PDB file of N, CA and C in Angstrom:
ATOM      1  N   UNK A   1     123.856 112.820  71.176  1.00  0.00           N
ATOM      2  CA  UNK A   1     123.161 111.606  72.196  1.00  0.00           C
ATOM      3  C   UNK A   1     122.950 112.406  73.475  1.00  0.00           C
ATOM      4  N   UNK A   2     121.982 112.633  74.045  1.00  0.00           N
ATOM      5  CA  UNK A   2     121.759 113.253  75.355  1.00  0.00           C
ATOM      6  C   UNK A   2     121.471 112.149  76.271  1.00  0.00           C
ATOM      7  N   UNK A   3     121.945 112.494  77.565  1.00  0.00           N
ATOM      8  CA  UNK A   3     121.679 111.543  78.937  1.00  0.00           C
ATOM      9  C   UNK A   3     121.048 112.441  79.767  1.00  0.00           C
ATOM     10  N   UNK A   4     119.949 111.796  80.225  1.00  0.00           N
ATOM     11  CA  UNK A   4     119.196 112.358  81.361  1.00  0.00           C
ATOM     12  C   UNK A   4     119.760 112.158  82.796  1.00  0.00           C
ATOM     13  N   UNK A   5     119.967 113.293  83.476  1.00  0.00           N
ATOM     14  CA  UNK A   5     120.465 113.003  84.791  1.00  0.00           C
ATOM     15  C   UNK A   5     119.338 112.929  85.785  1.00  0.00           C
ATOM     16  N   UNK A   6     118.304 113.091  85.244  1.00  0.00           N
ATOM     17  CA  UNK A   6     117.012 112.598  86.313  1.00  0.00           C
ATOM     18  C   UNK A   6     116.664 111.208  86.186  1.00  0.00           C
ATOM     19  N   UNK A   7     117.282 110.256  85.454  1.00  0.00           N
ATOM     20  CA  UNK A   7     116.824 108.982  85.471  1.00  0.00           C
ATOM     21  C   UNK A   7     116.878 108.291  86.739  1.00  0.00           C
ATOM     22  N   UNK A   8     115.805 107.396  87.035  1.00  0.00           N
ATOM     23  CA  UNK A   8     115.728 106.879  88.209  1.00  0.00           C
ATOM     24  C   UNK A   8     116.598 105.675  88.295  1.00  0.00           C
ATOM     25  N   UNK A   9     117.708 105.424  89.319  1.00  0.00           N
ATOM     26  CA  UNK A   9     118.437 104.668  89.412  1.00  0.00           C
ATOM     27  C   UNK A   9     118.248 103.892  90.722  1.00  0.00           C
ATOM     28  N   UNK A  10     118.733 102.615  90.756  1.00  0.00           N
ATOM     29  CA  UNK A  10     118.891 101.722  92.106  1.00  0.00           C
ATOM     30  C   UNK A  10     119.778 102.205  92.961  1.00  0.00           C
ATOM     31  N   UNK A  11     119.720 102.407  94.043  1.00  0.00           N
ATOM     32  CA  UNK A  11     120.862 102.801  95.161  1.00  0.00           C
ATOM     33  C   UNK A  11     120.666 101.855  96.206  1.00  0.00           C
ATOM     34  N   UNK A  12     121.886 101.339  96.606  1.00  0.00           N
ATOM     35  CA  UNK A  12     121.697 100.645  97.798  1.00  0.00           C
ATOM     36  C   UNK A  12     121.744 101.605  99.066  1.00  0.00           C
ATOM     37  N   UNK A  13     120.855 101.488 100.269  1.00  0.00           N
ATOM     38  CA  UNK A  13     120.786 102.196 101.346  1.00  0.00           C
ATOM     39  C   UNK A  13     121.828 101.695 102.595  1.00  0.00           C
ATOM     40  N   UNK A  14     122.300 102.555 102.872  1.00  0.00           N
ATOM     41  CA  UNK A  14     123.312 102.343 104.414  1.00  0.00           C
ATOM     42  C   UNK A  14     122.135 101.646 105.475  1.00  0.00           C
ATOM     43  N   UNK A  15     122.731 101.006 106.235  1.00  0.00           N
ATOM     44  CA  UNK A  15     122.037 100.410 107.501  1.00  0.00           C
ATOM     45  C   UNK A  15     121.351 101.566 108.133  1.00  0.00           C
ATOM     46  N   UNK A  16     120.297 101.138 108.652  1.00  0.00           N
ATOM     47  CA  UNK A  16     119.714 102.100 109.672  1.00  0.00           C
ATOM     48  C   UNK A  16     119.381 101.272 110.853  1.00  0.00           C
ATOM     49  N   UNK A  17     119.159 102.020 112.010  1.00  0.00           N
ATOM     50  CA  UNK A  17     118.809 101.370 113.332  1.00  0.00           C
ATOM     51  C   UNK A  17     117.614 102.017 113.678  1.00  0.00           C
ATOM     52  N   UNK A  18     116.868 101.138 114.298  1.00  0.00           N
ATOM     53  CA  UNK A  18     115.598 101.569 115.078  1.00  0.00           C
ATOM     54  C   UNK A  18     115.687 101.300 116.543  1.00  0.00           C
ATOM     55  N   UNK A  19     115.395 102.226 117.403  1.00  0.00           N
ATOM     56  CA  UNK A  19     115.780 102.131 118.843  1.00  0.00           C
ATOM     57  C   UNK A  19     114.257 102.505 119.439  1.00  0.00           C
ATOM     58  N   UNK A  20     113.799 101.225 120.249  1.00  0.00           N
ATOM     59  CA  UNK A  20     112.412 101.748 120.939  1.00  0.00           C
ATOM     60  C   UNK A  20     112.600 102.712 121.866  1.00  0.00           C
ATOM     61  N   UNK A  21     111.730 103.095 122.545  1.00  0.00           N
ATOM     62  CA  UNK A  21     111.737 104.399 123.455  1.00  0.00           C
ATOM     63  C   UNK A  21     110.947 103.935 124.660  1.00  0.00           C
ATOM     64  N   UNK A  22     110.766 104.701 125.614  1.00  0.00           N
ATOM     65  CA  UNK A  22     110.267 104.457 126.818  1.00  0.00           C
ATOM     66  C   UNK A  22     108.809 105.274 126.729  1.00  0.00           C
ATOM     67  N   UNK A  23     107.685 104.776 126.913  1.00  0.00           N
ATOM     68  CA  UNK A  23     107.381 103.336 127.061  1.00  0.00           C
ATOM     69  C   UNK A  23     107.679 102.715 125.741  1.00  0.00           C
ATOM     70  N   UNK A  24     107.649 101.408 125.702  1.00  0.00           N
ATOM     71  CA  UNK A  24     108.112 100.947 124.522  1.00  0.00           C
ATOM     72  C   UNK A  24     106.940 101.012 123.495  1.00  0.00           C
ATOM     73  N   UNK A  25     106.918 101.112 122.339  1.00  0.00           N
ATOM     74  CA  UNK A  25     105.969 101.271 121.275  1.00  0.00           C
ATOM     75  C   UNK A  25     105.809 100.221 120.214  1.00  0.00           C
ATOM     76  N   UNK A  26     106.728  99.649 120.010  1.00  0.00           N
ATOM     77  CA  UNK A  26     106.800  98.649 118.968  1.00  0.00           C
ATOM     78  C   UNK A  26     106.214  97.115 119.458  1.00  0.00           C
ATOM     79  N   UNK A  27     104.963  96.874 119.338  1.00  0.00           N
ATOM     80  CA  UNK A  27     104.284  95.829 119.633  1.00  0.00           C
ATOM     81  C   UNK A  27     104.010  94.543 118.684  1.00  0.00           C
ATOM     82  N   UNK A  28     103.815  93.288 119.109  1.00  0.00           N
ATOM     83  CA  UNK A  28     103.354  92.306 118.202  1.00  0.00           C
ATOM     84  C   UNK A  28     102.166  92.548 117.537  1.00  0.00           C
ATOM     85  N   UNK A  29     102.269  92.292 116.204  1.00  0.00           N
ATOM     86  CA  UNK A  29     100.960  92.390 115.357  1.00  0.00           C
ATOM     87  C   UNK A  29     100.604  93.794 114.998  1.00  0.00           C
ATOM     88  N   UNK A  30     101.377  94.887 115.571  1.00  0.00           N
ATOM     89  CA  UNK A  30     101.211  96.390 115.020  1.00  0.00           C
ATOM     90  C   UNK A  30     102.107  96.561 113.684  1.00  0.00           C
ATOM     91  N   UNK A  31     103.300  95.881 113.646  1.00  0.00           N
ATOM     92  CA  UNK A  31     103.881  96.348 112.532  1.00  0.00           C
ATOM     93  C   UNK A  31     104.780  97.394 112.511  1.00  0.00           C
ATOM     94  N   UNK A  32     105.697  97.637 111.664  1.00  0.00           N
ATOM     95  CA  UNK A  32     106.743  98.782 111.667  1.00  0.00           C
ATOM     96  C   UNK A  32     106.759  99.013 110.456  1.00  0.00           C
ATOM     97  N   UNK A  33     106.791 100.475 110.044  1.00  0.00           N
ATOM     98  CA  UNK A  33     106.972 100.985 108.750  1.00  0.00           C
ATOM     99  C   UNK A  33     108.337 102.134 108.871  1.00  0.00           C
ATOM    100  N   UNK A  34     108.936 101.896 107.429  1.00  0.00           N
ATOM    101  CA  UNK A  34     110.046 102.922 107.288  1.00  0.00           C
ATOM    102  C   UNK A  34     109.652 103.628 106.162  1.00  0.00           C
ATOM    103  N   UNK A  35     109.516 105.011 106.388  1.00  0.00           N
ATOM    104  CA  UNK A  35     109.032 105.868 105.354  1.00  0.00           C
ATOM    105  C   UNK A  35     109.708 106.676 104.713  1.00  0.00           C
ATOM    106  N   UNK A  36     109.476 106.915 103.382  1.00  0.00           N
ATOM    107  CA  UNK A  36     110.260 107.881 102.695  1.00  0.00           C
ATOM    108  C   UNK A  36     109.093 109.030 102.523  1.00  0.00           C
ATOM    109  N   UNK A  37     109.758 110.211 103.091  1.00  0.00           N
ATOM    110  CA  UNK A  37     108.505 111.325 102.834  1.00  0.00           C
ATOM    111  C   UNK A  37     108.148 111.564 101.450  1.00  0.00           C
ATOM    112  N   UNK A  38     106.790 111.987 101.333  1.00  0.00           N
ATOM    113  CA  UNK A  38     106.472 112.386  99.880  1.00  0.00           C
ATOM    114  C   UNK A  38     107.043 113.370  99.111  1.00  0.00           C
ATOM    115  N   UNK A  39     107.773 114.359  99.831  1.00  0.00           N
ATOM    116  CA  UNK A  39     108.511 115.420  99.203  1.00  0.00           C
ATOM    117  C   UNK A  39     109.818 114.880  98.884  1.00  0.00           C
ATOM    118  N   UNK A  40     110.242 113.707  99.302  1.00  0.00           N
ATOM    119  CA  UNK A  40     111.625 113.046  98.658  1.00  0.00           C
ATOM    120  C   UNK A  40     111.526 112.295  97.377  1.00  0.00           C
ATOM    121  N   UNK A  41     112.293 112.550  96.420  1.00  0.00           N
ATOM    122  CA  UNK A  41     112.050 112.120  95.117  1.00  0.00           C
ATOM    123  C   UNK A  41     112.784 110.561  95.015  1.00  0.00           C
ATOM    124  N   UNK A  42     112.118 109.812  95.927  1.00  0.00           N
ATOM    125  CA  UNK A  42     112.608 108.385  95.885  1.00  0.00           C
ATOM    126  C   UNK A  42     111.596 107.437  96.100  1.00  0.00           C
ATOM    127  N   UNK A  43     111.724 106.202  95.871  1.00  0.00           N
ATOM    128  CA  UNK A  43     110.705 105.170  96.103  1.00  0.00           C
ATOM    129  C   UNK A  43     111.624 103.763  96.506  1.00  0.00           C
ATOM    130  N   UNK A  44     110.875 103.118  97.563  1.00  0.00           N
ATOM    131  CA  UNK A  44     111.710 101.662  97.744  1.00  0.00           C
ATOM    132  C   UNK A  44     111.717 100.981  96.514  1.00  0.00           C
ATOM    133  N   UNK A  45     113.009 100.220  96.416  1.00  0.00           N
ATOM    134  CA  UNK A  45     113.208  99.225  95.340  1.00  0.00           C
ATOM    135  C   UNK A  45     112.296  97.968  95.540  1.00  0.00           C
ATOM    136  N   UNK A  46     111.245  97.618  95.009  1.00  0.00           N
ATOM    137  CA  UNK A  46     110.326  96.636  95.650  1.00  0.00           C
ATOM    138  C   UNK A  46     110.792  95.128  95.171  1.00  0.00           C
ATOM    139  N   UNK A  47     111.951  94.958  94.383  1.00  0.00           N
ATOM    140  CA  UNK A  47     112.508  93.941  94.186  1.00  0.00           C
ATOM    141  C   UNK A  47     113.186  93.176  95.554  1.00  0.00           C
ATOM    142  N   UNK A  48     113.592  94.024  96.371  1.00  0.00           N
ATOM    143  CA  UNK A  48     114.089  93.454  97.548  1.00  0.00           C
ATOM    144  C   UNK A  48     112.832  93.069  98.662  1.00  0.00           C
ATOM    145  N   UNK A  49     112.899  91.792  98.850  1.00  0.00           N
ATOM    146  CA  UNK A  49     111.666  91.163  99.461  1.00  0.00           C
ATOM    147  C   UNK A  49     112.017  90.648 101.116  1.00  0.00           C
ATOM    148  N   UNK A  50     113.443  90.460 101.080  1.00  0.00           N
ATOM    149  CA  UNK A  50     113.921  90.078 102.571  1.00  0.00           C
ATOM    150  C   UNK A  50     115.079  91.118 102.787  1.00  0.00           C
ATOM    151  N   UNK A  51     114.940  91.455 104.153  1.00  0.00           N
ATOM    152  CA  UNK A  51     116.126  92.369 104.700  1.00  0.00           C
ATOM    153  C   UNK A  51     117.048  91.461 105.551  1.00  0.00           C
ATOM    154  N   UNK A  52     118.139  92.050 105.934  1.00  0.00           N
ATOM    155  CA  UNK A  52     119.038  91.434 106.896  1.00  0.00           C
ATOM    156  C   UNK A  52     118.975  92.183 107.937  1.00  0.00           C
ATOM    157  N   UNK A  53     118.629  91.529 109.342  1.00  0.00           N
ATOM    158  CA  UNK A  53     118.404  92.187 110.569  1.00  0.00           C
ATOM    159  C   UNK A  53     119.475  91.620 111.435  1.00  0.00           C
ATOM    160  N   UNK A  54     119.823  92.684 112.251  1.00  0.00           N
ATOM    161  CA  UNK A  54     120.749  92.431 113.417  1.00  0.00           C
ATOM    162  C   UNK A  54     120.373  93.077 114.507  1.00  0.00           C
ATOM    163  N   UNK A  55     121.064  93.050 115.695  1.00  0.00           N
ATOM    164  CA  UNK A  55     120.695  93.625 116.912  1.00  0.00           C
ATOM    165  C   UNK A  55     119.898  92.810 117.784  1.00  0.00           C
ATOM    166  N   UNK A  56     119.795  93.383 119.295  1.00  0.00           N
ATOM    167  CA  UNK A  56     119.016  92.788 120.224  1.00  0.00           C
ATOM    168  C   UNK A  56     117.740  92.345 119.814  1.00  0.00           C
ATOM    169  N   UNK A  57     117.055  92.850 119.014  1.00  0.00           N
ATOM    170  CA  UNK A  57     115.415  92.895 118.515  1.00  0.00           C
ATOM    171  C   UNK A  57     115.289  91.992 117.323  1.00  0.00           C
ATOM    172  N   UNK A  58     116.462  91.599 116.677  1.00  0.00           N
ATOM    173  CA  UNK A  58     116.369  90.972 115.378  1.00  0.00           C
ATOM    174  C   UNK A  58     115.390  89.696 115.357  1.00  0.00           C
ATOM    175  N   UNK A  59     115.305  88.944 116.459  1.00  0.00           N
ATOM    176  CA  UNK A  59     114.257  87.926 116.416  1.00  0.00           C
ATOM    177  C   UNK A  59     112.865  88.240 116.707  1.00  0.00           C
ATOM    178  N   UNK A  60     112.552  89.596 116.930  1.00  0.00           N
ATOM    179  CA  UNK A  60     111.298  89.955 117.359  1.00  0.00           C
ATOM    180  C   UNK A  60     110.567  90.514 116.115  1.00  0.00           C
ATOM    181  N   UNK A  61     111.350  90.498 114.653  1.00  0.00           N
ATOM    182  CA  UNK A  61     110.840  91.106 113.457  1.00  0.00           C
ATOM    183  C   UNK A  61     110.968  89.909 112.393  1.00  0.00           C
ATOM    184  N   UNK A  62     109.936  90.012 111.458  1.00  0.00           N
ATOM    185  CA  UNK A  62     109.941  88.840 110.189  1.00  0.00           C
ATOM    186  C   UNK A  62     111.025  89.807 109.282  1.00  0.00           C
ATOM    187  N   UNK A  63     111.876  89.020 108.602  1.00  0.00           N
ATOM    188  CA  UNK A  63     112.923  89.670 107.699  1.00  0.00           C
ATOM    189  C   UNK A  63     112.226  89.997 106.243  1.00  0.00           C
ATOM    190  N   UNK A  64     111.057  89.391 106.103  1.00  0.00           N
ATOM    191  CA  UNK A  64     110.233  89.626 104.687  1.00  0.00           C
ATOM    192  C   UNK A  64     109.711  91.100 104.725  1.00  0.00           C
ATOM    193  N   UNK A  65     109.507  91.645 103.758  1.00  0.00           N
ATOM    194  CA  UNK A  65     108.792  93.213 103.736  1.00  0.00           C
ATOM    195  C   UNK A  65     107.682  93.293 102.671  1.00  0.00           C
ATOM    196  N   UNK A  66     106.892  93.929 102.811  1.00  0.00           N
ATOM    197  CA  UNK A  66     105.843  94.566 101.983  1.00  0.00           C
ATOM    198  C   UNK A  66     106.095  95.884 101.709  1.00  0.00           C
ATOM    199  N   UNK A  67     105.390  96.453 100.872  1.00  0.00           N
ATOM    200  CA  UNK A  67     105.478  97.936 100.395  1.00  0.00           C
ATOM    201  C   UNK A  67     104.009  98.583 100.155  1.00  0.00           C
ATOM    202  N   UNK A  68     103.894  99.689 100.456  1.00  0.00           N
ATOM    203  CA  UNK A  68     102.609 100.458 100.051  1.00  0.00           C
ATOM    204  C   UNK A  68     102.408 100.605  98.631  1.00  0.00           C
ATOM    205  N   UNK A  69     101.202 100.911  98.329  1.00  0.00           N
ATOM    206  CA  UNK A  69     100.916 100.996  96.859  1.00  0.00           C
ATOM    207  C   UNK A  69     101.909 101.998  96.062  1.00  0.00           C
ATOM    208  N   UNK A  70     102.384 102.974  96.617  1.00  0.00           N
ATOM    209  CA  UNK A  70     103.267 104.255  96.136  1.00  0.00           C
ATOM    210  C   UNK A  70     104.590 103.823  96.321  1.00  0.00           C
ATOM    211  N   UNK A  71     104.929 102.759  97.219  1.00  0.00           N
ATOM    212  CA  UNK A  71     106.225 102.359  97.361  1.00  0.00           C
ATOM    213  C   UNK A  71     107.332 103.400  98.078  1.00  0.00           C
ATOM    214  N   UNK A  72     106.375 104.046  98.722  1.00  0.00           N
ATOM    215  CA  UNK A  72     107.064 104.990  99.802  1.00  0.00           C
ATOM    216  C   UNK A  72     106.970 104.500 101.120  1.00  0.00           C
ATOM    217  N   UNK A  73     106.404 103.259 101.662  1.00  0.00           N
ATOM    218  CA  UNK A  73     106.302 102.785 102.959  1.00  0.00           C
ATOM    219  C   UNK A  73     106.921 101.402 102.634  1.00  0.00           C
ATOM    220  N   UNK A  74     107.832 101.116 103.656  1.00  0.00           N
ATOM    221  CA  UNK A  74     108.215  99.450 103.645  1.00  0.00           C
ATOM    222  C   UNK A  74     107.657  99.174 105.057  1.00  0.00           C
ATOM    223  N   UNK A  75     107.152  98.057 104.811  1.00  0.00           N
ATOM    224  CA  UNK A  75     106.136  97.313 106.071  1.00  0.00           C
ATOM    225  C   UNK A  75     107.068  96.087 106.621  1.00  0.00           C
ATOM    226  N   UNK A  76     107.313  96.130 108.062  1.00  0.00           N
ATOM    227  CA  UNK A  76     107.988  94.879 108.567  1.00  0.00           C
ATOM    228  C   UNK A  76     106.951  94.419 109.493  1.00  0.00           C
ATOM    229  N   UNK A  77     106.637  93.108 109.900  1.00  0.00           N
ATOM    230  CA  UNK A  77     105.919  92.590 110.827  1.00  0.00           C
ATOM    231  C   UNK A  77     106.590  92.261 111.932  1.00  0.00           C
ATOM    232  N   UNK A  78     106.090  92.599 113.158  1.00  0.00           N
ATOM    233  CA  UNK A  78     106.711  92.395 114.382  1.00  0.00           C
ATOM    234  C   UNK A  78     106.058  91.054 115.053  1.00  0.00           C
ATOM    235  N   UNK A  79     107.073  90.325 115.301  1.00  0.00           N
ATOM    236  CA  UNK A  79     106.550  88.975 116.091  1.00  0.00           C
ATOM    237  C   UNK A  79     106.443  88.975 117.513  1.00  0.00           C
ATOM    238  N   UNK A  80     107.242  89.923 118.272  1.00  0.00           N
ATOM    239  CA  UNK A  80     107.174  89.962 119.593  1.00  0.00           C
ATOM    240  C   UNK A  80     107.313  91.109 119.851  1.00  0.00           C
ATOM    241  N   UNK A  81     106.764  91.693 121.356  1.00  0.00           N
ATOM    242  CA  UNK A  81     106.895  92.955 121.505  1.00  0.00           C
ATOM    243  C   UNK A  81     108.436  93.506 121.910  1.00  0.00           C
ATOM    244  N   UNK A  82     108.698  94.594 121.643  1.00  0.00           N
ATOM    245  CA  UNK A  82     110.176  95.148 121.932  1.00  0.00           C
ATOM    246  C   UNK A  82     110.083  95.639 123.306  1.00  0.00           C
ATOM    247  N   UNK A  83     111.242  95.690 123.771  1.00  0.00           N
ATOM    248  CA  UNK A  83     111.469  96.135 125.331  1.00  0.00           C
ATOM    249  C   UNK A  83     112.278  97.496 125.146  1.00  0.00           C
ATOM    250  N   UNK A  84     112.092  98.508 126.160  1.00  0.00           N
ATOM    251  CA  UNK A  84     112.823  99.814 126.201  1.00  0.00           C
ATOM    252  C   UNK A  84     114.160  99.367 125.796  1.00  0.00           C
ATOM    253  N   UNK A  85     114.602 100.396 125.035  1.00  0.00           N
ATOM    254  CA  UNK A  85     116.099 100.419 124.592  1.00  0.00           C
ATOM    255  C   UNK A  85     116.368  99.219 123.491  1.00  0.00           C
ATOM    256  N   UNK A  86     115.425  98.238 123.229  1.00  0.00           N
ATOM    257  CA  UNK A  86     115.755  97.390 122.189  1.00  0.00           C
ATOM    258  C   UNK A  86     116.114  98.142 120.963  1.00  0.00           C
ATOM    259  N   UNK A  87     116.869  97.537 120.038  1.00  0.00           N
ATOM    260  CA  UNK A  87     117.285  97.862 118.761  1.00  0.00           C
ATOM    261  C   UNK A  87     117.305  97.036 117.805  1.00  0.00           C
ATOM    262  N   UNK A  88     117.182  97.562 116.674  1.00  0.00           N
ATOM    263  CA  UNK A  88     116.999  96.654 115.349  1.00  0.00           C
ATOM    264  C   UNK A  88     117.876  97.385 114.196  1.00  0.00           C
ATOM    265  N   UNK A  89     118.816  96.507 113.735  1.00  0.00           N
ATOM    266  CA  UNK A  89     119.630  97.151 112.753  1.00  0.00           C
ATOM    267  C   UNK A  89     119.125  96.451 111.300  1.00  0.00           C
ATOM    268  N   UNK A  90     118.815  97.393 110.298  1.00  0.00           N
ATOM    269  CA  UNK A  90     118.216  96.866 109.087  1.00  0.00           C
ATOM    270  C   UNK A  90     119.070  97.085 108.149  1.00  0.00           C
ATOM    271  N   UNK A  91     119.479  96.207 107.112  1.00  0.00           N
ATOM    272  CA  UNK A  91     120.247  96.432 106.049  1.00  0.00           C
ATOM    273  C   UNK A  91     119.818  95.730 104.856  1.00  0.00           C
ATOM    274  N   UNK A  92     120.216  95.837 103.660  1.00  0.00           N
ATOM    275  CA  UNK A  92     119.921  95.078 102.458  1.00  0.00           C
ATOM    276  C   UNK A  92     118.746  95.792 101.659  1.00  0.00           C
ATOM    277  N   UNK A  93     118.692  97.062 102.148  1.00  0.00           N
ATOM    278  CA  UNK A  93     117.584  98.168 101.566  1.00  0.00           C
ATOM    279  C   UNK A  93     118.002  98.588 100.429  1.00  0.00           C
ATOM    280  N   UNK A  94     117.171  99.177  99.457  1.00  0.00           N
ATOM    281  CA  UNK A  94     117.493  99.682  98.121  1.00  0.00           C
ATOM    282  C   UNK A  94     116.314 100.692  97.889  1.00  0.00           C
ATOM    283  N   UNK A  95     116.648 101.682  97.001  1.00  0.00           N
ATOM    284  CA  UNK A  95     115.735 102.659  96.602  1.00  0.00           C
ATOM    285  C   UNK A  95     115.911 103.065  95.350  1.00  0.00           C
ATOM    286  N   UNK A  96     114.749 103.647  94.661  1.00  0.00           N
ATOM    287  CA  UNK A  96     114.745 103.901  93.313  1.00  0.00           C
ATOM    288  C   UNK A  96     114.808 105.704  93.311  1.00  0.00           C
ATOM    289  N   UNK A  97     116.084 106.140  92.857  1.00  0.00           N
ATOM    290  CA  UNK A  97     116.048 107.747  93.061  1.00  0.00           C
ATOM    291  C   UNK A  97     116.881 108.157  91.962  1.00  0.00           C
ATOM    292  N   UNK A  98     116.513 109.449  91.700  1.00  0.00           N
ATOM    293  CA  UNK A  98     117.376 110.212  90.781  1.00  0.00           C
ATOM    294  C   UNK A  98     118.347 110.977  91.381  1.00  0.00           C
ATOM    295  N   UNK A  99     118.492 111.044  92.835  1.00  0.00           N
ATOM    296  CA  UNK A  99     119.258 111.874  93.808  1.00  0.00           C
ATOM    297  C   UNK A  99     119.810 111.103  94.653  1.00  0.00           C
ATOM    298  N   UNK A 100     120.826 111.409  95.381  1.00  0.00           N
ATOM    299  CA  UNK A 100     121.282 110.757  96.542  1.00  0.00           C
ATOM    300  C   UNK A 100     120.196 110.839  97.647  1.00  0.00           C
ATOM    301  N   UNK A 101     120.186 109.615  98.417  1.00  0.00           N
ATOM    302  CA  UNK A 101     119.318 109.339  99.638  1.00  0.00           C
ATOM    303  C   UNK A 101     120.251 109.509 100.989  1.00  0.00           C
ATOM    304  N   UNK A 102     119.993 110.396 101.995  1.00  0.00           N
ATOM    305  CA  UNK A 102     120.755 110.059 103.276  1.00  0.00           C
ATOM    306  C   UNK A 102     120.011 109.432 103.993  1.00  0.00           C
ATOM    307  N   UNK A 103     120.355 108.235 104.575  1.00  0.00           N
ATOM    308  CA  UNK A 103     119.623 107.557 105.646  1.00  0.00           C
ATOM    309  C   UNK A 103     120.643 107.467 106.742  1.00  0.00           C
ATOM    310  N   UNK A 104     119.997 107.745 108.083  1.00  0.00           N
ATOM    311  CA  UNK A 104     120.960 107.806 109.103  1.00  0.00           C
ATOM    312  C   UNK A 104     120.170 107.183 110.386  1.00  0.00           C
ATOM    313  N   UNK A 105     120.835 106.848 111.411  1.00  0.00           N
ATOM    314  CA  UNK A 105     120.281 106.223 112.692  1.00  0.00           C
ATOM    315  C   UNK A 105     119.084 107.111 113.168  1.00  0.00           C
ATOM    316  N   UNK A 106     118.250 106.169 113.521  1.00  0.00           N
ATOM    317  CA  UNK A 106     116.812 107.028 113.920  1.00  0.00           C
ATOM    318  C   UNK A 106     116.309 106.349 115.211  1.00  0.00           C
ATOM    319  N   UNK A 107     115.309 107.134 115.715  1.00  0.00           N
ATOM    320  CA  UNK A 107     114.517 106.372 116.797  1.00  0.00           C
ATOM    321  C   UNK A 107     113.114 106.610 116.313  1.00  0.00           C
ATOM    322  N   UNK A 108     112.283 105.825 116.960  1.00  0.00           N
ATOM    323  CA  UNK A 108     110.959 106.084 116.890  1.00  0.00           C
ATOM    324  C   UNK A 108     110.179 107.796 116.872  1.00  0.00           C
ATOM    325  N   UNK A 109     110.778 108.073 117.714  1.00  0.00           N
ATOM    326  CA  UNK A 109     110.666 109.494 117.858  1.00  0.00           C
ATOM    327  C   UNK A 109     111.019 110.628 116.951  1.00  0.00           C
ATOM    328  N   UNK A 110     111.988 110.207 116.153  1.00  0.00           N
ATOM    329  CA  UNK A 110     112.761 110.982 115.235  1.00  0.00           C
ATOM    330  C   UNK A 110     112.040 111.242 113.971  1.00  0.00           C
ATOM    331  N   UNK A 111     111.681 112.420 113.675  1.00  0.00           N
ATOM    332  CA  UNK A 111     111.037 112.681 112.300  1.00  0.00           C
ATOM    333  C   UNK A 111     111.689 113.547 111.478  1.00  0.00           C
ATOM    334  N   UNK A 112     112.996 113.637 111.507  1.00  0.00           N
ATOM    335  CA  UNK A 112     113.972 114.615 110.811  1.00  0.00           C
ATOM    336  C   UNK A 112     114.720 113.753 109.795  1.00  0.00           C
ATOM    337  N   UNK A 113     115.228 114.133 108.980  1.00  0.00           N
ATOM    338  CA  UNK A 113     115.981 113.595 107.813  1.00  0.00           C
ATOM    339  C   UNK A 113     115.199 112.799 106.918  1.00  0.00           C
ATOM    340  N   UNK A 114     115.458 111.959 106.361  1.00  0.00           N
ATOM    341  CA  UNK A 114     114.793 111.344 105.079  1.00  0.00           C
ATOM    342  C   UNK A 114     113.871 110.287 105.394  1.00  0.00           C
ATOM    343  N   UNK A 115     113.980 109.674 106.694  1.00  0.00           N
ATOM    344  CA  UNK A 115     113.011 108.471 106.790  1.00  0.00           C
ATOM    345  C   UNK A 115     112.705 108.786 108.513  1.00  0.00           C
ATOM    346  N   UNK A 116     111.695 108.026 108.609  1.00  0.00           N
ATOM    347  CA  UNK A 116     111.067 107.839 110.078  1.00  0.00           C
ATOM    348  C   UNK A 116     110.502 106.588 110.080  1.00  0.00           C
ATOM    349  N   UNK A 117     110.453 106.266 111.387  1.00  0.00           N
ATOM    350  CA  UNK A 117     109.904 104.838 111.781  1.00  0.00           C
ATOM    351  C   UNK A 117     108.720 105.027 112.516  1.00  0.00           C
ATOM    352  N   UNK A 118     107.586 104.359 112.158  1.00  0.00           N
ATOM    353  CA  UNK A 118     106.209 104.775 113.037  1.00  0.00           C
ATOM    354  C   UNK A 118     105.461 103.487 112.991  1.00  0.00           C
ATOM    355  N   UNK A 119     104.560 103.405 113.854  1.00  0.00           N
ATOM    356  CA  UNK A 119     103.603 102.390 113.883  1.00  0.00           C
ATOM    357  C   UNK A 119     102.760 102.171 112.914  1.00  0.00           C
ATOM    358  N   UNK A 120     102.302 100.889 112.310  1.00  0.00           N
ATOM    359  CA  UNK A 120     101.383 100.985 111.311  1.00  0.00           C
ATOM    360  C   UNK A 120     100.047 101.070 111.845  1.00  0.00           C
TER     361      UNK A 120
END
């Protein structure tokens, strides 16, 4: 019996923190996306429909999420404009991956590592 080491598995993702910059960029009705780059062998686990939000901006975001058709983008709806240095900590996320994924604290301007936050 052989076991594939490449089998996709569901893995919890550590919390991430999004911090708005100056000038503020996260605005009502524009949305916020958390993106897994195309070259990373992982997709969001779409069975997760609601996230756990905390931080100064938690009331400015809806906790329900939607996903892109390729499951590489998680989309959150912004209810109110953020202010400079507003931060949002997101938890409860999961990915489908055959490798470990490292998620770290990010800001809107940070495009390194495995995920980025950008305006929709």
